[in-house]
Amino acid sequence: MKLEGCRKIIDAIDTEILLLLNRRAALSRRIGLIKTSAALPIVDGAREEVVIRRVIRENAGDIDDRALTNIYGEILSESRRIQRTVASELMPTGEASK
């Protein structure tokens, strides 16, 4: 396959990744509602460790474990941001930073 063909496939994959990231973000918003309603903290470090360990364990490709940790660190950071936004919309000022 030539360079341009590879790039077209990568563009299509990037579109799929974007769709999946937005699906994940929508679920993070829902989780933020659940956590806020149940007075649970936004940050769940144990859960985040489980997520990262799971993707590293399931990685059978060329992506380095450190790179996966960085990528998922960003994804989890954005999930926390979304959940904090939901919490701040539902709670009095100052309580959503937990």
PDB file of N, CA and C in Angstrom:
ATOM      1  N   MET A   1       0.847  -1.178   0.000  1.00  0.00           N
ATOM      2  CA  MET A   1       0.000   0.000   0.000  1.00  0.00           C
ATOM      3  C   MET A   1       0.893   1.242   0.000  1.00  0.00           C
ATOM      4  N   LYS A   2       0.451   2.244  -0.697  1.00  0.00           N
ATOM      5  CA  LYS A   2       1.224   3.476  -0.809  1.00  0.00           C
ATOM      6  C   LYS A   2       0.898   4.423   0.342  1.00  0.00           C
ATOM      7  N   LEU A   3       1.723   5.443   0.473  1.00  0.00           N
ATOM      8  CA  LEU A   3       1.595   6.415   1.557  1.00  0.00           C
ATOM      9  C   LEU A   3       0.197   7.011   1.632  1.00  0.00           C
ATOM     10  N   GLU A   4      -0.320   7.475   0.506  1.00  0.00           N
ATOM     11  CA  GLU A   4      -1.642   8.122   0.512  1.00  0.00           C
ATOM     12  C   GLU A   4      -2.735   7.159   0.963  1.00  0.00           C
ATOM     13  N   GLY A   5      -2.638   5.904   0.547  1.00  0.00           N
ATOM     14  CA  GLY A   5      -3.617   4.898   0.987  1.00  0.00           C
ATOM     15  C   GLY A   5      -3.555   4.671   2.485  1.00  0.00           C
ATOM     16  N   CYS A   6      -2.350   4.600   3.027  1.00  0.00           N
ATOM     17  CA  CYS A   6      -2.177   4.443   4.474  1.00  0.00           C
ATOM     18  C   CYS A   6      -2.757   5.630   5.224  1.00  0.00           C
ATOM     19  N   ARG A   7      -2.530   6.821   4.700  1.00  0.00           N
ATOM     20  CA  ARG A   7      -3.037   8.032   5.353  1.00  0.00           C
ATOM     21  C   ARG A   7      -4.565   8.079   5.344  1.00  0.00           C
ATOM     22  N   LYS A   8      -5.187   7.620   4.264  1.00  0.00           N
ATOM     23  CA  LYS A   8      -6.652   7.588   4.212  1.00  0.00           C
ATOM     24  C   LYS A   8      -7.206   6.630   5.256  1.00  0.00           C
ATOM     25  N   ILE A   9      -6.557   5.506   5.420  1.00  0.00           N
ATOM     26  CA  ILE A   9      -6.991   4.544   6.439  1.00  0.00           C
ATOM     27  C   ILE A   9      -6.810   5.139   7.835  1.00  0.00           C
ATOM     28  N   ILE A  10      -5.682   5.801   8.061  1.00  0.00           N
ATOM     29  CA  ILE A  10      -5.457   6.452   9.357  1.00  0.00           C
ATOM     30  C   ILE A  10      -6.519   7.514   9.613  1.00  0.00           C
ATOM     31  N   ASP A  11      -6.879   8.288   8.592  1.00  0.00           N
ATOM     32  CA  ASP A  11      -7.932   9.298   8.760  1.00  0.00           C
ATOM     33  C   ASP A  11      -9.252   8.651   9.184  1.00  0.00           C
ATOM     34  N   ALA A  12      -9.580   7.516   8.575  1.00  0.00           N
ATOM     35  CA  ALA A  12     -10.812   6.810   8.929  1.00  0.00           C
ATOM     36  C   ALA A  12     -10.746   6.283  10.358  1.00  0.00           C
ATOM     37  N   ILE A  13      -9.597   5.756  10.741  1.00  0.00           N
ATOM     38  CA  ILE A  13      -9.415   5.268  12.114  1.00  0.00           C
ATOM     39  C   ILE A  13      -9.531   6.424  13.097  1.00  0.00           C
ATOM     40  N   ASP A  14      -8.934   7.572  12.772  1.00  0.00           N
ATOM     41  CA  ASP A  14      -9.039   8.749  13.649  1.00  0.00           C
ATOM     42  C   ASP A  14     -10.485   9.166  13.849  1.00  0.00           C
ATOM     43  N   THR A  15     -11.292   9.073  12.792  1.00  0.00           N
ATOM     44  CA  THR A  15     -12.713   9.389  12.915  1.00  0.00           C
ATOM     45  C   THR A  15     -13.394   8.415  13.876  1.00  0.00           C
ATOM     46  N   GLU A  16     -13.059   7.128  13.774  1.00  0.00           N
ATOM     47  CA  GLU A  16     -13.617   6.129  14.688  1.00  0.00           C
ATOM     48  C   GLU A  16     -13.188   6.401  16.130  1.00  0.00           C
ATOM     49  N   ILE A  17     -11.910   6.735  16.321  1.00  0.00           N
ATOM     50  CA  ILE A  17     -11.410   7.037  17.668  1.00  0.00           C
ATOM     51  C   ILE A  17     -12.169   8.223  18.250  1.00  0.00           C
ATOM     52  N   LEU A  18     -12.382   9.253  17.441  1.00  0.00           N
ATOM     53  CA  LEU A  18     -13.110  10.435  17.904  1.00  0.00           C
ATOM     54  C   LEU A  18     -14.534  10.075  18.325  1.00  0.00           C
ATOM     55  N   LEU A  19     -15.198   9.253  17.528  1.00  0.00           N
ATOM     56  CA  LEU A  19     -16.550   8.817  17.886  1.00  0.00           C
ATOM     57  C   LEU A  19     -16.545   8.055  19.207  1.00  0.00           C
ATOM     58  N   LEU A  20     -15.586   7.167  19.381  1.00  0.00           N
ATOM     59  CA  LEU A  20     -15.496   6.392  20.620  1.00  0.00           C
ATOM     60  C   LEU A  20     -15.166   7.273  21.819  1.00  0.00           C
ATOM     61  N   LEU A  21     -14.269   8.235  21.637  1.00  0.00           N
ATOM     62  CA  LEU A  21     -13.943   9.143  22.730  1.00  0.00           C
ATOM     63  C   LEU A  21     -15.163   9.958  23.152  1.00  0.00           C
ATOM     64  N   ASN A  22     -15.966  10.374  22.193  1.00  0.00           N
ATOM     65  CA  ASN A  22     -17.168  11.123  22.529  1.00  0.00           C
ATOM     66  C   ASN A  22     -18.227  10.240  23.178  1.00  0.00           C
ATOM     67  N   ARG A  23     -18.310   8.978  22.786  1.00  0.00           N
ATOM     68  CA  ARG A  23     -19.200   8.042  23.494  1.00  0.00           C
ATOM     69  C   ARG A  23     -18.747   7.879  24.934  1.00  0.00           C
ATOM     70  N   ARG A  24     -17.430   7.772  25.129  1.00  0.00           N
ATOM     71  CA  ARG A  24     -16.883   7.641  26.481  1.00  0.00           C
ATOM     72  C   ARG A  24     -17.170   8.897  27.292  1.00  0.00           C
ATOM     73  N   ALA A  25     -17.034  10.055  26.660  1.00  0.00           N
ATOM     74  CA  ALA A  25     -17.301  11.324  27.341  1.00  0.00           C
ATOM     75  C   ALA A  25     -18.758  11.415  27.778  1.00  0.00           C
ATOM     76  N   ALA A  26     -19.678  10.949  26.935  1.00  0.00           N
ATOM     77  CA  ALA A  26     -21.095  10.962  27.300  1.00  0.00           C
ATOM     78  C   ALA A  26     -21.350  10.070  28.514  1.00  0.00           C
ATOM     79  N   LEU A  27     -20.681   8.929  28.561  1.00  0.00           N
ATOM     80  CA  LEU A  27     -20.810   8.060  29.731  1.00  0.00           C
ATOM     81  C   LEU A  27     -20.167   8.686  30.963  1.00  0.00           C
ATOM     82  N   SER A  28     -19.078   9.415  30.775  1.00  0.00           N
ATOM     83  CA  SER A  28     -18.446  10.115  31.901  1.00  0.00           C
ATOM     84  C   SER A  28     -19.399  11.160  32.471  1.00  0.00           C
ATOM     85  N   ARG A  29     -20.134  11.823  31.590  1.00  0.00           N
ATOM     86  CA  ARG A  29     -21.135  12.794  32.043  1.00  0.00           C
ATOM     87  C   ARG A  29     -22.203  12.090  32.887  1.00  0.00           C
ATOM     88  N   ARG A  30     -22.675  10.950  32.408  1.00  0.00           N
ATOM     89  CA  ARG A  30     -23.679  10.187  33.152  1.00  0.00           C
ATOM     90  C   ARG A  30     -23.128   9.739  34.504  1.00  0.00           C
ATOM     91  N   ILE A  31     -21.875   9.272  34.505  1.00  0.00           N
ATOM     92  CA  ILE A  31     -21.240   8.864  35.763  1.00  0.00           C
ATOM     93  C   ILE A  31     -21.124  10.056  36.709  1.00  0.00           C
ATOM     94  N   GLY A  32     -20.828  11.227  36.161  1.00  0.00           N
ATOM     95  CA  GLY A  32     -20.777  12.434  36.988  1.00  0.00           C
ATOM     96  C   GLY A  32     -22.111  12.711  37.664  1.00  0.00           C
ATOM     97  N   LEU A  33     -23.198  12.508  36.948  1.00  0.00           N
ATOM     98  CA  LEU A  33     -24.534  12.678  37.535  1.00  0.00           C
ATOM     99  C   LEU A  33     -24.768  11.669  38.653  1.00  0.00           C
ATOM    100  N   ILE A  34     -24.393  10.419  38.396  1.00  0.00           N
ATOM    101  CA  ILE A  34     -24.568   9.362  39.399  1.00  0.00           C
ATOM    102  C   ILE A  34     -23.733   9.659  40.643  1.00  0.00           C
ATOM    103  N   LYS A  35     -22.466  10.003  40.440  1.00  0.00           N
ATOM    104  CA  LYS A  35     -21.588  10.296  41.579  1.00  0.00           C
ATOM    105  C   LYS A  35     -22.096  11.486  42.379  1.00  0.00           C
ATOM    106  N   THR A  36     -22.520  12.519  41.681  1.00  0.00           N
ATOM    107  CA  THR A  36     -22.996  13.716  42.362  1.00  0.00           C
ATOM    108  C   THR A  36     -24.264  13.408  43.158  1.00  0.00           C
ATOM    109  N   SER A  37     -25.182  12.674  42.543  1.00  0.00           N
ATOM    110  CA  SER A  37     -26.429  12.313  43.224  1.00  0.00           C
ATOM    111  C   SER A  37     -26.173  11.452  44.451  1.00  0.00           C
ATOM    112  N   ALA A  38     -25.150  10.609  44.390  1.00  0.00           N
ATOM    113  CA  ALA A  38     -24.818   9.716  45.501  1.00  0.00           C
ATOM    114  C   ALA A  38     -23.791  10.319  46.452  1.00  0.00           C
ATOM    115  N   ALA A  39     -23.427  11.575  46.229  1.00  0.00           N
ATOM    116  CA  ALA A  39     -22.417  12.264  47.045  1.00  0.00           C
ATOM    117  C   ALA A  39     -21.090  11.508  47.067  1.00  0.00           C
ATOM    118  N   LEU A  40     -20.727  10.926  45.929  1.00  0.00           N
ATOM    119  CA  LEU A  40     -19.448  10.234  45.806  1.00  0.00           C
ATOM    120  C   LEU A  40     -18.398  11.194  45.259  1.00  0.00           C
ATOM    121  N   PRO A  41     -17.133  10.973  45.596  1.00  0.00           N
ATOM    122  CA  PRO A  41     -16.082  11.839  45.049  1.00  0.00           C
ATOM    123  C   PRO A  41     -15.904  11.608  43.550  1.00  0.00           C
ATOM    124  N   ILE A  42     -15.522  12.659  42.860  1.00  0.00           N
ATOM    125  CA  ILE A  42     -15.270  12.564  41.419  1.00  0.00           C
ATOM    126  C   ILE A  42     -14.054  11.682  41.148  1.00  0.00           C
ATOM    127  N   VAL A  43     -12.992  11.894  41.878  1.00  0.00           N
ATOM    128  CA  VAL A  43     -11.750  11.157  41.648  1.00  0.00           C
ATOM    129  C   VAL A  43     -11.821   9.802  42.344  1.00  0.00           C
ATOM    130  N   ASP A  44     -11.584   8.747  41.569  1.00  0.00           N
ATOM    131  CA  ASP A  44     -11.526   7.385  42.089  1.00  0.00           C
ATOM    132  C   ASP A  44     -10.213   6.785  41.603  1.00  0.00           C
ATOM    133  N   GLY A  45      -9.157   7.074  42.356  1.00  0.00           N
ATOM    134  CA  GLY A  45      -7.816   6.641  41.965  1.00  0.00           C
ATOM    135  C   GLY A  45      -7.695   5.146  41.762  1.00  0.00           C
ATOM    136  N   ALA A  46      -8.372   4.366  42.599  1.00  0.00           N
ATOM    137  CA  ALA A  46      -8.308   2.908  42.466  1.00  0.00           C
ATOM    138  C   ALA A  46      -8.909   2.473  41.132  1.00  0.00           C
ATOM    139  N   ARG A  47     -10.031   3.059  40.745  1.00  0.00           N
ATOM    140  CA  ARG A  47     -10.669   2.727  39.471  1.00  0.00           C
ATOM    141  C   ARG A  47      -9.766   3.119  38.302  1.00  0.00           C
ATOM    142  N   GLU A  48      -9.134   4.278  38.405  1.00  0.00           N
ATOM    143  CA  GLU A  48      -8.252   4.728  37.330  1.00  0.00           C
ATOM    144  C   GLU A  48      -7.075   3.767  37.159  1.00  0.00           C
ATOM    145  N   GLU A  49      -6.534   3.275  38.268  1.00  0.00           N
ATOM    146  CA  GLU A  49      -5.443   2.301  38.186  1.00  0.00           C
ATOM    147  C   GLU A  49      -5.899   1.016  37.516  1.00  0.00           C
ATOM    148  N   VAL A  50      -7.120   0.577  37.841  1.00  0.00           N
ATOM    149  CA  VAL A  50      -7.672  -0.629  37.221  1.00  0.00           C
ATOM    150  C   VAL A  50      -7.799  -0.441  35.715  1.00  0.00           C
ATOM    151  N   VAL A  51      -8.283   0.712  35.296  1.00  0.00           N
ATOM    152  CA  VAL A  51      -8.450   0.994  33.860  1.00  0.00           C
ATOM    153  C   VAL A  51      -7.100   0.930  33.154  1.00  0.00           C
ATOM    154  N   ILE A  52      -6.112   1.599  33.701  1.00  0.00           N
ATOM    155  CA  ILE A  52      -4.791   1.627  33.061  1.00  0.00           C
ATOM    156  C   ILE A  52      -4.159   0.244  33.047  1.00  0.00           C
ATOM    157  N   ARG A  53      -4.244  -0.478  34.160  1.00  0.00           N
ATOM    158  CA  ARG A  53      -3.682  -1.838  34.191  1.00  0.00           C
ATOM    159  C   ARG A  53      -4.371  -2.748  33.174  1.00  0.00           C
ATOM    160  N   ARG A  54      -5.692  -2.590  33.028  1.00  0.00           N
ATOM    161  CA  ARG A  54      -6.443  -3.422  32.094  1.00  0.00           C
ATOM    162  C   ARG A  54      -6.015  -3.164  30.652  1.00  0.00           C
ATOM    163  N   VAL A  55      -5.897  -1.896  30.261  1.00  0.00           N
ATOM    164  CA  VAL A  55      -5.524  -1.627  28.863  1.00  0.00           C
ATOM    165  C   VAL A  55      -4.095  -2.075  28.581  1.00  0.00           C
ATOM    166  N   ILE A  56      -3.232  -1.946  29.552  1.00  0.00           N
ATOM    167  CA  ILE A  56      -1.853  -2.435  29.360  1.00  0.00           C
ATOM    168  C   ILE A  56      -1.861  -3.956  29.220  1.00  0.00           C
ATOM    169  N   ARG A  57      -2.630  -4.625  30.063  1.00  0.00           N
ATOM    170  CA  ARG A  57      -2.703  -6.087  30.000  1.00  0.00           C
ATOM    171  C   ARG A  57      -3.285  -6.559  28.657  1.00  0.00           C
ATOM    172  N   GLU A  58      -4.273  -5.828  28.147  1.00  0.00           N
ATOM    173  CA  GLU A  58      -4.926  -6.227  26.899  1.00  0.00           C
ATOM    174  C   GLU A  58      -4.184  -5.763  25.649  1.00  0.00           C
ATOM    175  N   ASN A  59      -3.157  -4.956  25.817  1.00  0.00           N
ATOM    176  CA  ASN A  59      -2.416  -4.430  24.677  1.00  0.00           C
ATOM    177  C   ASN A  59      -1.613  -5.542  23.998  1.00  0.00           C
ATOM    178  N   ALA A  60      -1.967  -5.818  22.767  1.00  0.00           N
ATOM    179  CA  ALA A  60      -1.245  -6.837  22.007  1.00  0.00           C
ATOM    180  C   ALA A  60      -0.597  -6.228  20.766  1.00  0.00           C
ATOM    181  N   GLY A  61      -0.491  -4.900  20.753  1.00  0.00           N
ATOM    182  CA  GLY A  61       0.020  -4.222  19.569  1.00  0.00           C
ATOM    183  C   GLY A  61       1.352  -3.551  19.796  1.00  0.00           C
ATOM    184  N   ASP A  62       1.624  -2.589  18.932  1.00  0.00           N
ATOM    185  CA  ASP A  62       2.907  -1.910  18.921  1.00  0.00           C
ATOM    186  C   ASP A  62       3.000  -0.717  19.869  1.00  0.00           C
ATOM    187  N   ILE A  63       1.898  -0.352  20.498  1.00  0.00           N
ATOM    188  CA  ILE A  63       1.929   0.825  21.376  1.00  0.00           C
ATOM    189  C   ILE A  63       2.608   0.460  22.685  1.00  0.00           C
ATOM    190  N   ASP A  64       3.592   1.249  23.054  1.00  0.00           N
ATOM    191  CA  ASP A  64       4.361   1.058  24.278  1.00  0.00           C
ATOM    192  C   ASP A  64       3.468   1.264  25.496  1.00  0.00           C
ATOM    193  N   ASP A  65       3.714   0.490  26.554  1.00  0.00           N
ATOM    194  CA  ASP A  65       2.923   0.611  27.787  1.00  0.00           C
ATOM    195  C   ASP A  65       2.979   2.020  28.374  1.00  0.00           C
ATOM    196  N   ARG A  66       4.123   2.658  28.304  1.00  0.00           N
ATOM    197  CA  ARG A  66       4.250   4.030  28.814  1.00  0.00           C
ATOM    198  C   ARG A  66       3.371   4.982  28.003  1.00  0.00           C
ATOM    199  N   ALA A  67       3.352   4.784  26.681  1.00  0.00           N
ATOM    200  CA  ALA A  67       2.506   5.613  25.831  1.00  0.00           C
ATOM    201  C   ALA A  67       1.036   5.393  26.171  1.00  0.00           C
ATOM    202  N   LEU A  68       0.639   4.138  26.370  1.00  0.00           N
ATOM    203  CA  LEU A  68      -0.744   3.859  26.763  1.00  0.00           C
ATOM    204  C   LEU A  68      -1.093   4.518  28.089  1.00  0.00           C
ATOM    205  N   THR A  69      -0.161   4.458  29.023  1.00  0.00           N
ATOM    206  CA  THR A  69      -0.387   5.106  30.320  1.00  0.00           C
ATOM    207  C   THR A  69      -0.599   6.604  30.127  1.00  0.00           C
ATOM    208  N   ASN A  70       0.195   7.226  29.287  1.00  0.00           N
ATOM    209  CA  ASN A  70       0.040   8.659  29.015  1.00  0.00           C
ATOM    210  C   ASN A  70      -1.276   8.964  28.318  1.00  0.00           C
ATOM    211  N   ILE A  71      -1.618   8.177  27.316  1.00  0.00           N
ATOM    212  CA  ILE A  71      -2.860   8.389  26.577  1.00  0.00           C
ATOM    213  C   ILE A  71      -4.058   8.249  27.509  1.00  0.00           C
ATOM    214  N   TYR A  72      -4.088   7.174  28.263  1.00  0.00           N
ATOM    215  CA  TYR A  72      -5.221   6.965  29.168  1.00  0.00           C
ATOM    216  C   TYR A  72      -5.206   7.944  30.334  1.00  0.00           C
ATOM    217  N   GLY A  73      -4.043   8.410  30.717  1.00  0.00           N
ATOM    218  CA  GLY A  73      -3.992   9.468  31.727  1.00  0.00           C
ATOM    219  C   GLY A  73      -4.734  10.708  31.247  1.00  0.00           C
ATOM    220  N   GLU A  74      -4.551  11.050  29.980  1.00  0.00           N
ATOM    221  CA  GLU A  74      -5.259  12.202  29.403  1.00  0.00           C
ATOM    222  C   GLU A  74      -6.755  11.931  29.287  1.00  0.00           C
ATOM    223  N   ILE A  75      -7.106  10.733  28.853  1.00  0.00           N
ATOM    224  CA  ILE A  75      -8.524  10.381  28.739  1.00  0.00           C
ATOM    225  C   ILE A  75      -9.196  10.457  30.107  1.00  0.00           C
ATOM    226  N   LEU A  76      -8.547   9.914  31.118  1.00  0.00           N
ATOM    227  CA  LEU A  76      -9.117   9.939  32.476  1.00  0.00           C
ATOM    228  C   LEU A  76      -9.180  11.364  33.025  1.00  0.00           C
ATOM    229  N   SER A  77      -8.185  12.163  32.707  1.00  0.00           N
ATOM    230  CA  SER A  77      -8.201  13.566  33.116  1.00  0.00           C
ATOM    231  C   SER A  77      -9.397  14.296  32.518  1.00  0.00           C
ATOM    232  N   GLU A  78      -9.666  14.059  31.255  1.00  0.00           N
ATOM    233  CA  GLU A  78     -10.822  14.682  30.605  1.00  0.00           C
ATOM    234  C   GLU A  78     -12.126  14.159  31.196  1.00  0.00           C
ATOM    235  N   SER A  79     -12.173  12.879  31.535  1.00  0.00           N
ATOM    236  CA  SER A  79     -13.366  12.326  32.180  1.00  0.00           C
ATOM    237  C   SER A  79     -13.629  13.010  33.519  1.00  0.00           C
ATOM    238  N   ARG A  80     -12.569  13.229  34.292  1.00  0.00           N
ATOM    239  CA  ARG A  80     -12.723  13.945  35.574  1.00  0.00           C
ATOM    240  C   ARG A  80     -13.205  15.369  35.340  1.00  0.00           C
ATOM    241  N   ARG A  81     -12.682  16.026  34.313  1.00  0.00           N
ATOM    242  CA  ARG A  81     -13.111  17.395  34.016  1.00  0.00           C
ATOM    243  C   ARG A  81     -14.600  17.432  33.694  1.00  0.00           C
ATOM    244  N   ILE A  82     -15.040  16.501  32.878  1.00  0.00           N
ATOM    245  CA  ILE A  82     -16.455  16.424  32.526  1.00  0.00           C
ATOM    246  C   ILE A  82     -17.295  16.187  33.776  1.00  0.00           C
ATOM    247  N   GLN A  83     -16.870  15.263  34.610  1.00  0.00           N
ATOM    248  CA  GLN A  83     -17.627  14.957  35.823  1.00  0.00           C
ATOM    249  C   GLN A  83     -17.657  16.146  36.784  1.00  0.00           C
ATOM    250  N   ARG A  84     -16.553  16.864  36.878  1.00  0.00           N
ATOM    251  CA  ARG A  84     -16.539  18.064  37.731  1.00  0.00           C
ATOM    252  C   ARG A  84     -17.488  19.131  37.184  1.00  0.00           C
ATOM    253  N   THR A  85     -17.540  19.243  35.870  1.00  0.00           N
ATOM    254  CA  THR A  85     -18.458  20.201  35.250  1.00  0.00           C
ATOM    255  C   THR A  85     -19.899  19.843  35.597  1.00  0.00           C
ATOM    256  N   VAL A  86     -20.236  18.582  35.483  1.00  0.00           N
ATOM    257  CA  VAL A  86     -21.584  18.123  35.843  1.00  0.00           C
ATOM    258  C   VAL A  86     -21.859  18.435  37.307  1.00  0.00           C
ATOM    259  N   ALA A  87     -20.910  18.113  38.162  1.00  0.00           N
ATOM    260  CA  ALA A  87     -21.095  18.346  39.594  1.00  0.00           C
ATOM    261  C   ALA A  87     -21.280  19.827  39.885  1.00  0.00           C
ATOM    262  N   SER A  88     -20.500  20.677  39.220  1.00  0.00           N
ATOM    263  CA  SER A  88     -20.612  22.115  39.471  1.00  0.00           C
ATOM    264  C   SER A  88     -21.940  22.667  38.976  1.00  0.00           C
ATOM    265  N   GLU A  89     -22.512  22.044  37.955  1.00  0.00           N
ATOM    266  CA  GLU A  89     -23.820  22.469  37.462  1.00  0.00           C
ATOM    267  C   GLU A  89     -24.936  22.085  38.435  1.00  0.00           C
ATOM    268  N   LEU A  90     -24.711  21.035  39.216  1.00  0.00           N
ATOM    269  CA  LEU A  90     -25.750  20.512  40.104  1.00  0.00           C
ATOM    270  C   LEU A  90     -25.593  20.923  41.559  1.00  0.00           C
ATOM    271  N   MET A  91     -24.370  21.308  41.942  1.00  0.00           N
ATOM    272  CA  MET A  91     -24.092  21.567  43.352  1.00  0.00           C
ATOM    273  C   MET A  91     -23.782  23.032  43.593  1.00  0.00           C
ATOM    274  N   PRO A  92     -23.971  23.461  44.844  1.00  0.00           N
ATOM    275  CA  PRO A  92     -23.585  24.831  45.206  1.00  0.00           C
ATOM    276  C   PRO A  92     -22.087  25.050  44.968  1.00  0.00           C
ATOM    277  N   THR A  93     -21.692  26.271  44.779  1.00  0.00           N
ATOM    278  CA  THR A  93     -20.310  26.642  44.502  1.00  0.00           C
ATOM    279  C   THR A  93     -19.360  26.056  45.543  1.00  0.00           C
ATOM    280  N   GLY A  94     -18.236  25.514  45.046  1.00  0.00           N
ATOM    281  CA  GLY A  94     -17.169  25.039  45.925  1.00  0.00           C
ATOM    282  C   GLY A  94     -17.234  23.580  46.273  1.00  0.00           C
ATOM    283  N   GLU A  95     -18.390  22.944  46.177  1.00  0.00           N
ATOM    284  CA  GLU A  95     -18.504  21.554  46.577  1.00  0.00           C
ATOM    285  C   GLU A  95     -18.102  20.582  45.474  1.00  0.00           C
ATOM    286  N   ALA A  96     -17.995  21.029  44.245  1.00  0.00           N
ATOM    287  CA  ALA A  96     -17.731  20.134  43.111  1.00  0.00           C
ATOM    288  C   ALA A  96     -16.250  19.803  42.935  1.00  0.00           C
ATOM    289  N   SER A  97     -15.392  20.368  43.715  1.00  0.00           N
ATOM    290  CA  SER A  97     -13.955  20.151  43.518  1.00  0.00           C
ATOM    291  C   SER A  97     -13.437  18.912  44.230  1.00  0.00           C
ATOM    292  N   LYS A  98     -14.292  18.169  44.884  1.00  0.00           N
ATOM    293  CA  LYS A  98     -13.871  16.970  45.619  1.00  0.00           C
ATOM    294  C   LYS A  98     -13.378  15.896  44.685  1.00  0.00           C
TER     295      LYS A  98
END
